[in-house]
């Protein structure tokens, strides 16, 4: 619009002065339009992430030997809330747990570490501890607010002790109806295909 106006020839002083009088009005309309578009963009940004139903994923493995790794993987986007790992038996509690979202490690710890009261975490944002009743050891990891992931949640249990009779993993998360990429983060090729359901 500006280039076109500058290239056109003014044919009369009256037309030029009329254009000058109209300029403040046009500028005001432009500012109002830009403001409306900005508000619309903000409104759309607020609804880009739409949460679906809460789900609980449960997986149980039998006895495990030192060196065994038990894994639980789910494709899909959503919000990760908490995980509970129940270990039956074990001689030293040298069993390690790793949570990874979209291939990025969130936490790695062990039953032996979190049995120590000085190593346990209890904050408004993260809870991590181990409770022991007889030969049952329960590790709890809880996040608030939930951690957002785009396409993959993985949980690994690495057994490095004798006598582990069973391992049960239970994760709580929300599915995503729609989830937007974080600023500067490339969209994963499987992200949209995997939504809304975990696989």
N, C-alpha and C. Protein backbone atom coordinates (compact mmCIF):
# COMPACT_ATOMS: atom_id res chain seq x y z
N UNK A 1 0.83 -1.20 0.00
CA UNK A 1 0.00 0.00 0.00
C UNK A 1 0.86 1.25 0.00
N UNK A 2 1.95 1.29 0.77
CA UNK A 2 2.80 2.48 0.83
C UNK A 2 3.54 2.69 -0.46
N UNK A 3 4.06 1.59 -1.07
CA UNK A 3 4.79 1.72 -2.33
C UNK A 3 3.88 2.22 -3.44
N UNK A 4 2.63 1.75 -3.47
CA UNK A 4 1.68 2.17 -4.50
C UNK A 4 1.37 3.66 -4.38
N UNK A 5 1.18 4.14 -3.14
CA UNK A 5 0.87 5.55 -2.94
C UNK A 5 2.04 6.43 -3.36
N UNK A 6 3.25 6.02 -3.10
CA UNK A 6 4.40 6.85 -3.43
C UNK A 6 4.65 6.90 -4.93
N UNK A 7 4.23 5.89 -5.67
CA UNK A 7 4.48 5.88 -7.10
C UNK A 7 3.38 6.57 -7.90
N UNK A 8 2.23 6.82 -7.29
CA UNK A 8 1.15 7.48 -8.02
C UNK A 8 1.35 8.99 -8.02
N UNK A 9 0.93 9.64 -9.09
CA UNK A 9 1.13 11.09 -9.22
C UNK A 9 -0.06 11.84 -8.64
N UNK A 10 0.21 12.93 -7.86
CA UNK A 10 -0.85 13.75 -7.28
C UNK A 10 -1.34 14.71 -8.35
N UNK A 11 -2.64 14.68 -8.65
CA UNK A 11 -3.20 15.49 -9.73
C UNK A 11 -3.77 16.80 -9.26
N UNK A 12 -4.02 16.97 -7.95
CA UNK A 12 -4.57 18.23 -7.47
C UNK A 12 -4.21 18.43 -6.01
N UNK A 13 -4.13 19.70 -5.60
CA UNK A 13 -3.84 20.01 -4.20
C UNK A 13 -4.95 19.55 -3.29
N UNK A 14 -6.23 19.64 -3.74
CA UNK A 14 -7.39 19.25 -2.92
C UNK A 14 -7.33 17.76 -2.59
N UNK A 15 -6.99 16.94 -3.59
CA UNK A 15 -6.93 15.49 -3.36
C UNK A 15 -5.81 15.17 -2.38
N UNK A 16 -4.66 15.87 -2.52
CA UNK A 16 -3.54 15.62 -1.62
C UNK A 16 -3.88 16.00 -0.19
N UNK A 17 -4.53 17.15 0.00
CA UNK A 17 -4.89 17.55 1.37
C UNK A 17 -5.93 16.62 1.95
N UNK A 18 -6.84 16.09 1.11
CA UNK A 18 -7.83 15.13 1.61
C UNK A 18 -7.16 13.86 2.08
N UNK A 19 -6.14 13.42 1.34
CA UNK A 19 -5.42 12.22 1.75
C UNK A 19 -4.71 12.44 3.07
N UNK A 20 -4.17 13.71 3.24
CA UNK A 20 -3.49 14.00 4.51
C UNK A 20 -4.46 13.98 5.67
N UNK A 21 -5.70 14.50 5.43
CA UNK A 21 -6.70 14.49 6.51
C UNK A 21 -7.13 13.05 6.85
N UNK A 22 -7.12 12.16 5.84
CA UNK A 22 -7.56 10.77 6.07
C UNK A 22 -6.48 9.94 6.75
N UNK A 23 -5.23 10.41 6.69
CA UNK A 23 -4.13 9.60 7.21
C UNK A 23 -4.27 9.24 8.68
N UNK A 24 -4.61 10.22 9.59
CA UNK A 24 -4.75 9.83 11.00
C UNK A 24 -5.82 8.76 11.21
N UNK A 25 -6.92 8.85 10.47
CA UNK A 25 -7.99 7.86 10.59
C UNK A 25 -7.49 6.48 10.16
N UNK A 26 -6.76 6.43 9.04
CA UNK A 26 -6.25 5.16 8.55
C UNK A 26 -5.25 4.55 9.53
N UNK A 27 -4.42 5.42 10.13
CA UNK A 27 -3.47 4.93 11.13
C UNK A 27 -4.21 4.36 12.33
N UNK A 28 -5.28 5.04 12.77
CA UNK A 28 -6.05 4.56 13.91
C UNK A 28 -6.68 3.21 13.60
N UNK A 29 -7.23 3.06 12.39
CA UNK A 29 -7.83 1.78 12.00
C UNK A 29 -6.78 0.69 11.97
N UNK A 30 -5.57 1.04 11.47
CA UNK A 30 -4.49 0.04 11.42
C UNK A 30 -4.09 -0.41 12.80
N UNK A 31 -3.98 0.54 13.75
CA UNK A 31 -3.62 0.19 15.12
C UNK A 31 -4.68 -0.70 15.75
N UNK A 32 -5.97 -0.35 15.53
CA UNK A 32 -7.05 -1.16 16.10
C UNK A 32 -7.04 -2.56 15.52
N UNK A 33 -6.81 -2.67 14.20
CA UNK A 33 -6.78 -3.99 13.57
C UNK A 33 -5.63 -4.82 14.09
N UNK A 34 -4.45 -4.20 14.23
CA UNK A 34 -3.29 -4.92 14.76
C UNK A 34 -3.55 -5.40 16.18
N UNK A 35 -4.19 -4.54 16.98
CA UNK A 35 -4.52 -4.93 18.35
C UNK A 35 -5.48 -6.11 18.40
N UNK A 36 -6.48 -6.07 17.52
CA UNK A 36 -7.44 -7.18 17.48
C UNK A 36 -6.77 -8.48 17.07
N UNK A 37 -5.86 -8.40 16.08
CA UNK A 37 -5.16 -9.60 15.66
C UNK A 37 -4.27 -10.13 16.77
N UNK A 38 -3.62 -9.22 17.51
CA UNK A 38 -2.78 -9.66 18.61
C UNK A 38 -3.59 -10.36 19.68
N UNK A 39 -4.76 -9.79 20.01
CA UNK A 39 -5.63 -10.43 21.00
C UNK A 39 -6.08 -11.80 20.53
N UNK A 40 -6.39 -11.91 19.24
CA UNK A 40 -6.81 -13.20 18.71
C UNK A 40 -5.68 -14.21 18.81
N UNK A 41 -4.45 -13.74 18.53
CA UNK A 41 -3.31 -14.65 18.61
C UNK A 41 -3.11 -15.15 20.03
N UNK A 42 -3.26 -14.24 21.01
CA UNK A 42 -3.13 -14.64 22.40
C UNK A 42 -4.20 -15.64 22.77
N UNK A 43 -5.43 -15.40 22.33
CA UNK A 43 -6.53 -16.32 22.64
C UNK A 43 -6.27 -17.69 22.05
N UNK A 44 -5.75 -17.74 20.80
CA UNK A 44 -5.47 -19.01 20.18
C UNK A 44 -4.34 -19.73 20.92
N UNK A 45 -3.33 -18.95 21.36
CA UNK A 45 -2.23 -19.57 22.07
C UNK A 45 -2.70 -20.23 23.35
N UNK A 46 -3.71 -19.63 23.99
CA UNK A 46 -4.21 -20.17 25.24
C UNK A 46 -4.90 -21.52 25.05
N UNK A 47 -5.42 -21.79 23.87
CA UNK A 47 -6.15 -23.03 23.66
C UNK A 47 -5.40 -23.99 22.76
N UNK A 48 -4.09 -23.71 22.49
CA UNK A 48 -3.34 -24.62 21.65
C UNK A 48 -3.17 -25.98 22.32
N UNK A 49 -2.93 -25.98 23.64
CA UNK A 49 -2.79 -27.22 24.38
C UNK A 49 -4.13 -27.60 24.99
N UNK A 50 -4.68 -28.71 24.56
CA UNK A 50 -5.98 -29.15 25.05
C UNK A 50 -5.81 -30.53 25.67
N UNK A 51 -6.07 -30.63 26.97
CA UNK A 51 -5.88 -31.90 27.67
C UNK A 51 -7.08 -32.80 27.49
N UNK A 52 -6.79 -34.08 27.39
CA UNK A 52 -7.83 -35.09 27.31
C UNK A 52 -7.99 -35.80 28.64
N UNK A 53 -8.46 -37.02 28.58
CA UNK A 53 -8.75 -37.78 29.79
C UNK A 53 -7.47 -38.19 30.53
N UNK A 54 -7.61 -38.37 31.84
CA UNK A 54 -6.51 -38.91 32.64
C UNK A 54 -6.49 -40.42 32.48
N UNK A 55 -5.29 -40.97 32.37
CA UNK A 55 -5.14 -42.42 32.19
C UNK A 55 -4.09 -42.95 33.16
N UNK A 56 -4.22 -44.22 33.50
CA UNK A 56 -3.23 -44.92 34.32
C UNK A 56 -2.72 -46.11 33.53
N UNK A 57 -1.42 -46.19 33.38
CA UNK A 57 -0.78 -47.29 32.64
C UNK A 57 -0.08 -48.19 33.64
N UNK A 58 -0.41 -49.47 33.57
CA UNK A 58 0.08 -50.45 34.54
C UNK A 58 0.85 -51.55 33.82
N UNK A 59 2.02 -51.88 34.33
CA UNK A 59 2.81 -52.96 33.73
C UNK A 59 3.53 -53.72 34.82
N UNK A 60 3.49 -55.05 34.75
CA UNK A 60 4.11 -55.89 35.78
C UNK A 60 5.09 -56.87 35.13
N UNK A 61 6.23 -57.03 35.75
CA UNK A 61 7.23 -58.01 35.30
C UNK A 61 7.51 -58.99 36.43
N UNK A 62 7.90 -60.19 36.07
CA UNK A 62 8.22 -61.21 37.06
C UNK A 62 9.59 -61.01 37.65
N UNK A 63 10.21 -62.09 38.11
CA UNK A 63 11.51 -61.99 38.75
C UNK A 63 12.55 -61.45 37.77
N UNK A 64 13.52 -60.73 38.32
CA UNK A 64 14.56 -60.11 37.50
C UNK A 64 15.92 -60.40 38.09
N UNK A 65 16.90 -60.59 37.21
CA UNK A 65 18.27 -60.88 37.62
C UNK A 65 19.12 -59.62 37.50
N UNK A 66 20.25 -59.57 38.20
CA UNK A 66 21.14 -58.42 38.05
C UNK A 66 21.53 -58.22 36.58
N UNK A 67 21.43 -56.99 36.12
CA UNK A 67 21.71 -56.68 34.73
C UNK A 67 20.46 -56.60 33.86
N UNK A 68 19.33 -57.06 34.38
CA UNK A 68 18.08 -56.97 33.62
C UNK A 68 17.55 -55.53 33.62
N UNK A 69 16.94 -55.13 32.49
CA UNK A 69 16.28 -53.82 32.39
C UNK A 69 14.84 -54.03 31.98
N UNK A 70 13.94 -53.50 32.77
CA UNK A 70 12.51 -53.58 32.49
C UNK A 70 12.08 -52.20 32.00
N UNK A 71 11.42 -52.15 30.86
CA UNK A 71 11.07 -50.85 30.29
C UNK A 71 9.58 -50.76 29.99
N UNK A 72 9.07 -49.54 30.04
CA UNK A 72 7.70 -49.24 29.67
C UNK A 72 7.73 -48.00 28.78
N UNK A 73 7.27 -48.13 27.54
CA UNK A 73 7.30 -47.02 26.58
C UNK A 73 5.91 -46.80 26.02
N UNK A 74 5.53 -45.54 25.87
CA UNK A 74 4.24 -45.21 25.28
C UNK A 74 4.43 -44.06 24.30
N UNK A 75 3.89 -44.23 23.08
CA UNK A 75 3.89 -43.17 22.09
C UNK A 75 2.67 -42.28 22.27
N UNK A 76 2.84 -40.99 22.03
CA UNK A 76 1.73 -40.06 22.14
C UNK A 76 2.15 -38.84 22.94
N UNK A 77 1.41 -37.77 22.83
CA UNK A 77 1.71 -36.56 23.57
C UNK A 77 0.78 -36.42 24.76
N UNK A 78 1.24 -35.66 25.75
CA UNK A 78 0.38 -35.44 26.92
C UNK A 78 1.13 -34.79 28.05
N UNK A 79 0.66 -35.04 29.27
CA UNK A 79 1.23 -34.46 30.48
C UNK A 79 1.47 -35.57 31.48
N UNK A 80 2.70 -35.65 31.98
CA UNK A 80 3.08 -36.70 32.92
C UNK A 80 2.90 -36.20 34.34
N UNK A 81 2.16 -36.98 35.15
CA UNK A 81 1.89 -36.58 36.52
C UNK A 81 2.75 -37.34 37.53
N UNK A 82 2.67 -38.67 37.54
CA UNK A 82 3.34 -39.43 38.60
C UNK A 82 3.61 -40.86 38.14
N UNK A 83 4.54 -41.50 38.85
CA UNK A 83 4.82 -42.91 38.62
C UNK A 83 5.08 -43.58 39.97
N UNK A 84 4.65 -44.83 40.06
CA UNK A 84 4.90 -45.64 41.26
C UNK A 84 5.51 -46.96 40.80
N UNK A 85 6.65 -47.30 41.41
CA UNK A 85 7.32 -48.57 41.10
C UNK A 85 7.36 -49.40 42.38
N UNK A 86 6.78 -50.59 42.31
CA UNK A 86 6.74 -51.48 43.47
C UNK A 86 7.68 -52.65 43.21
N UNK A 87 8.67 -52.81 44.07
CA UNK A 87 9.65 -53.89 43.95
C UNK A 87 9.46 -54.87 45.10
N UNK A 88 9.30 -56.11 44.74
CA UNK A 88 9.18 -57.17 45.75
C UNK A 88 10.54 -57.85 45.89
N UNK A 89 11.05 -57.90 47.12
CA UNK A 89 12.33 -58.56 47.37
C UNK A 89 13.50 -57.68 46.99
N UNK A 90 14.66 -58.32 46.91
CA UNK A 90 15.90 -57.61 46.61
C UNK A 90 16.83 -57.60 47.80
N UNK A 91 18.13 -57.75 47.51
CA UNK A 91 19.11 -57.90 48.59
C UNK A 91 19.74 -56.59 49.02
N UNK A 92 19.78 -55.58 48.14
CA UNK A 92 20.51 -54.35 48.48
C UNK A 92 19.80 -53.06 48.05
N UNK A 93 18.68 -53.18 47.37
CA UNK A 93 17.94 -52.03 46.84
C UNK A 93 18.72 -51.27 45.77
N UNK A 94 19.74 -51.91 45.18
CA UNK A 94 20.48 -51.28 44.08
C UNK A 94 19.72 -51.52 42.76
N UNK A 95 18.50 -51.05 42.72
CA UNK A 95 17.68 -51.07 41.51
C UNK A 95 17.39 -49.62 41.14
N UNK A 96 17.72 -49.27 39.91
CA UNK A 96 17.68 -47.88 39.46
C UNK A 96 16.47 -47.62 38.57
N UNK A 97 15.91 -46.43 38.70
CA UNK A 97 14.73 -46.03 37.93
C UNK A 97 15.07 -44.76 37.15
N UNK A 98 14.76 -44.76 35.85
CA UNK A 98 14.97 -43.58 35.01
C UNK A 98 13.67 -43.24 34.29
N UNK A 99 13.27 -41.99 34.37
CA UNK A 99 12.12 -41.46 33.62
C UNK A 99 12.66 -40.55 32.53
N UNK A 100 12.22 -40.80 31.28
CA UNK A 100 12.62 -39.96 30.15
C UNK A 100 11.39 -39.55 29.36
N UNK A 101 11.34 -38.28 28.97
CA UNK A 101 10.25 -37.73 28.16
C UNK A 101 10.85 -37.21 26.86
N UNK A 102 10.32 -37.70 25.74
CA UNK A 102 10.83 -37.31 24.41
C UNK A 102 12.33 -37.53 24.31
N UNK A 103 12.81 -38.59 24.94
CA UNK A 103 14.23 -38.92 24.87
C UNK A 103 15.11 -38.15 25.83
N UNK A 104 14.53 -37.24 26.62
CA UNK A 104 15.29 -36.43 27.57
C UNK A 104 15.11 -36.98 28.99
N UNK A 105 16.22 -37.26 29.66
CA UNK A 105 16.16 -37.81 31.01
C UNK A 105 15.65 -36.77 32.00
N UNK A 106 14.60 -37.12 32.73
CA UNK A 106 14.03 -36.23 33.74
C UNK A 106 14.61 -36.52 35.13
N UNK A 107 14.75 -37.80 35.45
CA UNK A 107 15.28 -38.18 36.76
C UNK A 107 15.82 -39.60 36.68
N UNK A 108 16.92 -39.84 37.39
CA UNK A 108 17.47 -41.18 37.59
C UNK A 108 17.81 -41.30 39.07
N UNK A 109 17.28 -42.33 39.70
CA UNK A 109 17.54 -42.54 41.12
C UNK A 109 17.43 -44.03 41.41
N UNK A 110 17.66 -44.40 42.65
CA UNK A 110 17.57 -45.81 43.03
C UNK A 110 16.77 -45.97 44.30
N UNK A 111 16.35 -47.22 44.55
CA UNK A 111 15.62 -47.51 45.79
C UNK A 111 16.53 -47.27 46.99
N UNK A 112 17.81 -47.61 46.86
CA UNK A 112 18.73 -47.41 47.97
C UNK A 112 18.88 -45.93 48.32
N UNK A 113 18.95 -45.07 47.29
CA UNK A 113 19.11 -43.63 47.53
C UNK A 113 17.87 -43.06 48.22
N UNK A 114 16.70 -43.36 47.68
CA UNK A 114 15.47 -42.74 48.20
C UNK A 114 14.97 -43.38 49.49
N UNK A 115 15.57 -44.49 49.91
CA UNK A 115 15.25 -45.02 51.24
C UNK A 115 15.87 -44.15 52.33
N UNK A 116 16.91 -43.42 51.98
CA UNK A 116 17.57 -42.52 52.93
C UNK A 116 16.70 -41.27 53.09
N UNK A 117 16.18 -41.00 54.30
CA UNK A 117 15.32 -39.83 54.49
C UNK A 117 15.97 -38.52 54.08
N UNK A 118 17.30 -38.44 54.16
CA UNK A 118 17.99 -37.21 53.80
C UNK A 118 18.05 -37.00 52.29
N UNK A 119 17.79 -38.04 51.54
CA UNK A 119 17.85 -37.95 50.08
C UNK A 119 16.46 -37.83 49.45
N UNK A 120 15.43 -37.99 50.26
CA UNK A 120 14.07 -37.90 49.73
C UNK A 120 13.70 -36.44 49.42
N UNK A 121 12.81 -36.27 48.46
CA UNK A 121 12.36 -34.93 48.07
C UNK A 121 10.88 -34.78 48.38
N UNK A 122 10.53 -33.63 48.94
CA UNK A 122 9.13 -33.33 49.22
C UNK A 122 8.95 -31.82 49.08
N UNK A 123 8.66 -31.37 47.86
CA UNK A 123 8.48 -29.95 47.57
C UNK A 123 7.13 -29.79 46.87
N UNK A 124 6.66 -28.54 46.71
CA UNK A 124 5.41 -28.35 45.96
C UNK A 124 5.51 -28.78 44.50
N UNK A 125 6.74 -28.94 43.98
CA UNK A 125 6.93 -29.25 42.57
C UNK A 125 7.35 -30.69 42.30
N UNK A 126 8.00 -31.33 43.27
CA UNK A 126 8.51 -32.68 43.06
C UNK A 126 8.52 -33.44 44.38
N UNK A 127 7.95 -34.65 44.33
CA UNK A 127 8.00 -35.57 45.46
C UNK A 127 8.68 -36.85 44.97
N UNK A 128 9.68 -37.32 45.72
CA UNK A 128 10.38 -38.56 45.36
C UNK A 128 10.79 -39.26 46.66
N UNK A 129 10.27 -40.46 46.87
CA UNK A 129 10.59 -41.18 48.10
C UNK A 129 10.39 -42.67 47.91
N UNK A 130 10.81 -43.43 48.90
CA UNK A 130 10.62 -44.89 48.94
C UNK A 130 10.04 -45.26 50.29
N UNK A 131 8.97 -46.07 50.27
CA UNK A 131 8.38 -46.62 51.50
C UNK A 131 8.61 -48.12 51.50
N UNK A 132 8.92 -48.67 52.68
CA UNK A 132 9.21 -50.10 52.79
C UNK A 132 8.28 -50.74 53.80
N UNK A 133 7.64 -51.83 53.37
CA UNK A 133 6.78 -52.64 54.25
C UNK A 133 7.16 -54.09 54.01
N UNK A 134 7.90 -54.66 54.97
CA UNK A 134 8.37 -56.03 54.79
C UNK A 134 9.33 -56.10 53.62
N UNK A 135 9.04 -56.99 52.66
CA UNK A 135 9.90 -57.10 51.49
C UNK A 135 9.38 -56.30 50.30
N UNK A 136 8.34 -55.49 50.53
CA UNK A 136 7.78 -54.64 49.47
C UNK A 136 8.35 -53.23 49.59
N UNK A 137 8.92 -52.74 48.49
CA UNK A 137 9.51 -51.40 48.45
C UNK A 137 8.78 -50.60 47.36
N UNK A 138 8.23 -49.44 47.74
CA UNK A 138 7.43 -48.64 46.81
C UNK A 138 8.09 -47.28 46.60
N UNK A 139 8.49 -47.04 45.35
CA UNK A 139 9.06 -45.74 44.98
C UNK A 139 7.98 -44.89 44.34
N UNK A 140 7.87 -43.64 44.78
CA UNK A 140 6.89 -42.70 44.22
C UNK A 140 7.62 -41.46 43.72
N UNK A 141 7.32 -41.07 42.46
CA UNK A 141 7.84 -39.84 41.87
C UNK A 141 6.64 -39.06 41.35
N UNK A 142 6.47 -37.83 41.82
CA UNK A 142 5.26 -37.05 41.54
C UNK A 142 5.64 -35.63 41.16
N UNK A 143 5.10 -35.13 40.06
CA UNK A 143 5.41 -33.78 39.57
C UNK A 143 4.18 -32.88 39.63
N UNK A 144 4.40 -31.61 40.00
CA UNK A 144 3.35 -30.60 39.94
C UNK A 144 4.01 -29.24 39.65
N UNK A 145 3.65 -28.60 38.54
CA UNK A 145 2.68 -29.05 37.55
C UNK A 145 3.22 -30.23 36.75
N UNK A 146 2.34 -30.85 35.98
CA UNK A 146 2.73 -32.00 35.20
C UNK A 146 3.78 -31.62 34.16
N UNK A 147 4.56 -32.61 33.75
CA UNK A 147 5.57 -32.40 32.71
C UNK A 147 4.96 -32.70 31.34
N UNK A 148 5.11 -31.75 30.43
CA UNK A 148 4.55 -31.94 29.09
C UNK A 148 5.53 -32.72 28.22
N UNK A 149 5.00 -33.67 27.45
CA UNK A 149 5.83 -34.40 26.49
C UNK A 149 5.10 -34.45 25.15
N UNK A 150 5.88 -34.49 24.08
CA UNK A 150 5.33 -34.36 22.74
C UNK A 150 4.98 -35.69 22.09
N UNK A 151 5.83 -36.71 22.30
CA UNK A 151 5.60 -37.92 21.52
C UNK A 151 6.02 -39.22 22.19
N UNK A 152 6.76 -39.19 23.32
CA UNK A 152 7.22 -40.45 23.90
C UNK A 152 7.47 -40.30 25.38
N UNK A 153 6.95 -41.24 26.17
CA UNK A 153 7.29 -41.34 27.59
C UNK A 153 7.90 -42.72 27.81
N UNK A 154 9.04 -42.74 28.50
CA UNK A 154 9.76 -44.00 28.74
C UNK A 154 10.13 -44.11 30.21
N UNK A 155 9.99 -45.32 30.74
CA UNK A 155 10.37 -45.61 32.11
C UNK A 155 11.24 -46.86 32.10
N UNK A 156 12.41 -46.77 32.73
CA UNK A 156 13.35 -47.89 32.75
C UNK A 156 13.65 -48.26 34.20
N UNK A 157 13.64 -49.56 34.47
CA UNK A 157 14.02 -50.08 35.78
C UNK A 157 15.21 -51.01 35.56
N UNK A 158 16.39 -50.60 36.06
CA UNK A 158 17.62 -51.37 35.90
C UNK A 158 17.93 -52.09 37.20
N UNK A 159 17.87 -53.40 37.16
CA UNK A 159 18.09 -54.22 38.35
C UNK A 159 19.58 -54.53 38.48
N UNK A 160 20.14 -54.20 39.63
CA UNK A 160 21.55 -54.46 39.91
C UNK A 160 21.72 -55.17 41.26
N UNK A 161 20.77 -56.02 41.58
CA UNK A 161 20.81 -56.74 42.86
C UNK A 161 20.18 -58.12 42.71
N UNK A 162 20.48 -58.99 43.63
CA UNK A 162 19.91 -60.33 43.65
C UNK A 162 18.56 -60.32 44.38
N UNK A 163 17.74 -61.31 44.07
CA UNK A 163 16.54 -61.57 44.85
C UNK A 163 15.32 -60.75 44.52
N UNK A 164 15.29 -60.05 43.38
CA UNK A 164 14.10 -59.27 43.00
C UNK A 164 13.05 -60.24 42.45
N UNK A 165 11.91 -60.33 43.13
CA UNK A 165 10.88 -61.29 42.76
C UNK A 165 9.91 -60.75 41.71
N UNK A 166 9.62 -59.45 41.77
CA UNK A 166 8.72 -58.85 40.78
C UNK A 166 8.88 -57.34 40.81
N UNK A 167 8.49 -56.71 39.69
CA UNK A 167 8.50 -55.24 39.58
C UNK A 167 7.19 -54.83 38.92
N UNK A 168 6.52 -53.87 39.54
CA UNK A 168 5.28 -53.34 38.98
C UNK A 168 5.44 -51.83 38.78
N UNK A 169 5.10 -51.36 37.57
CA UNK A 169 5.19 -49.93 37.25
C UNK A 169 3.79 -49.40 36.95
N UNK A 170 3.46 -48.28 37.54
CA UNK A 170 2.15 -47.65 37.33
C UNK A 170 2.36 -46.15 37.13
N UNK A 171 1.98 -45.65 35.95
CA UNK A 171 2.16 -44.24 35.61
C UNK A 171 0.81 -43.57 35.42
N UNK A 172 0.71 -42.32 35.88
CA UNK A 172 -0.51 -41.52 35.75
C UNK A 172 -0.20 -40.31 34.88
N UNK A 173 -1.01 -40.09 33.84
CA UNK A 173 -0.78 -38.97 32.93
C UNK A 173 -2.09 -38.57 32.24
N UNK A 174 -2.06 -37.46 31.57
CA UNK A 174 -3.20 -37.00 30.78
C UNK A 174 -2.89 -37.13 29.30
N UNK A 175 -3.85 -37.65 28.56
CA UNK A 175 -3.72 -37.64 27.11
C UNK A 175 -3.85 -36.20 26.60
N UNK A 176 -3.48 -36.00 25.36
CA UNK A 176 -3.62 -34.68 24.74
C UNK A 176 -4.55 -34.78 23.54
N UNK A 177 -5.55 -33.88 23.51
CA UNK A 177 -6.37 -33.75 22.31
C UNK A 177 -5.59 -32.98 21.26
N UNK A 178 -4.87 -31.95 21.72
CA UNK A 178 -3.96 -31.20 20.85
C UNK A 178 -2.86 -30.62 21.70
N UNK A 179 -1.63 -30.71 21.21
CA UNK A 179 -0.51 -30.17 21.96
C UNK A 179 0.40 -29.44 20.99
N UNK A 180 0.79 -28.22 21.37
CA UNK A 180 1.60 -27.38 20.50
C UNK A 180 3.07 -27.55 20.84
N UNK A 181 3.96 -27.46 19.83
CA UNK A 181 5.40 -27.57 20.11
C UNK A 181 5.87 -26.41 20.98
N UNK A 182 6.85 -26.67 21.82
CA UNK A 182 7.46 -25.60 22.60
C UNK A 182 8.25 -24.68 21.67
N UNK A 183 8.39 -23.39 22.01
CA UNK A 183 9.13 -22.47 21.15
C UNK A 183 10.53 -22.98 20.85
N UNK A 184 10.87 -23.02 19.57
CA UNK A 184 12.19 -23.46 19.15
C UNK A 184 12.36 -24.95 19.09
N UNK A 185 11.31 -25.71 19.44
CA UNK A 185 11.42 -27.17 19.43
C UNK A 185 10.85 -27.71 18.14
N UNK A 186 11.61 -28.50 17.37
CA UNK A 186 11.07 -29.04 16.12
C UNK A 186 9.96 -30.03 16.40
N UNK A 187 8.98 -30.06 15.53
CA UNK A 187 7.87 -30.99 15.68
C UNK A 187 8.34 -32.39 15.31
N UNK A 188 8.12 -33.33 16.21
CA UNK A 188 8.53 -34.71 15.94
C UNK A 188 7.65 -35.30 14.86
N UNK A 189 8.20 -36.12 13.95
CA UNK A 189 7.40 -36.65 12.85
C UNK A 189 6.27 -37.55 13.29
N UNK A 190 6.39 -38.17 14.50
CA UNK A 190 5.34 -39.07 14.94
C UNK A 190 4.36 -38.41 15.88
N UNK A 191 4.60 -37.13 16.22
CA UNK A 191 3.80 -36.50 17.28
C UNK A 191 2.33 -36.44 16.91
N UNK A 192 2.01 -35.82 15.78
CA UNK A 192 0.62 -35.67 15.41
C UNK A 192 -0.04 -37.01 15.12
N UNK A 193 0.72 -37.93 14.53
CA UNK A 193 0.14 -39.23 14.20
C UNK A 193 -0.21 -40.01 15.45
N UNK A 194 0.53 -39.77 16.55
CA UNK A 194 0.32 -40.55 17.76
C UNK A 194 -0.81 -40.00 18.62
N UNK A 195 -1.24 -38.76 18.36
CA UNK A 195 -2.31 -38.16 19.17
C UNK A 195 -3.68 -38.57 18.66
N UNK A 196 -4.71 -38.64 19.52
CA UNK A 196 -4.63 -38.30 20.93
C UNK A 196 -4.32 -39.47 21.84
N UNK A 197 -4.36 -40.71 21.33
CA UNK A 197 -4.26 -41.87 22.20
C UNK A 197 -2.81 -42.33 22.36
N UNK A 198 -2.48 -42.81 23.55
CA UNK A 198 -1.20 -43.46 23.72
C UNK A 198 -1.26 -44.81 23.02
N UNK A 199 -0.12 -45.27 22.57
CA UNK A 199 -0.05 -46.57 21.90
C UNK A 199 0.91 -47.50 22.64
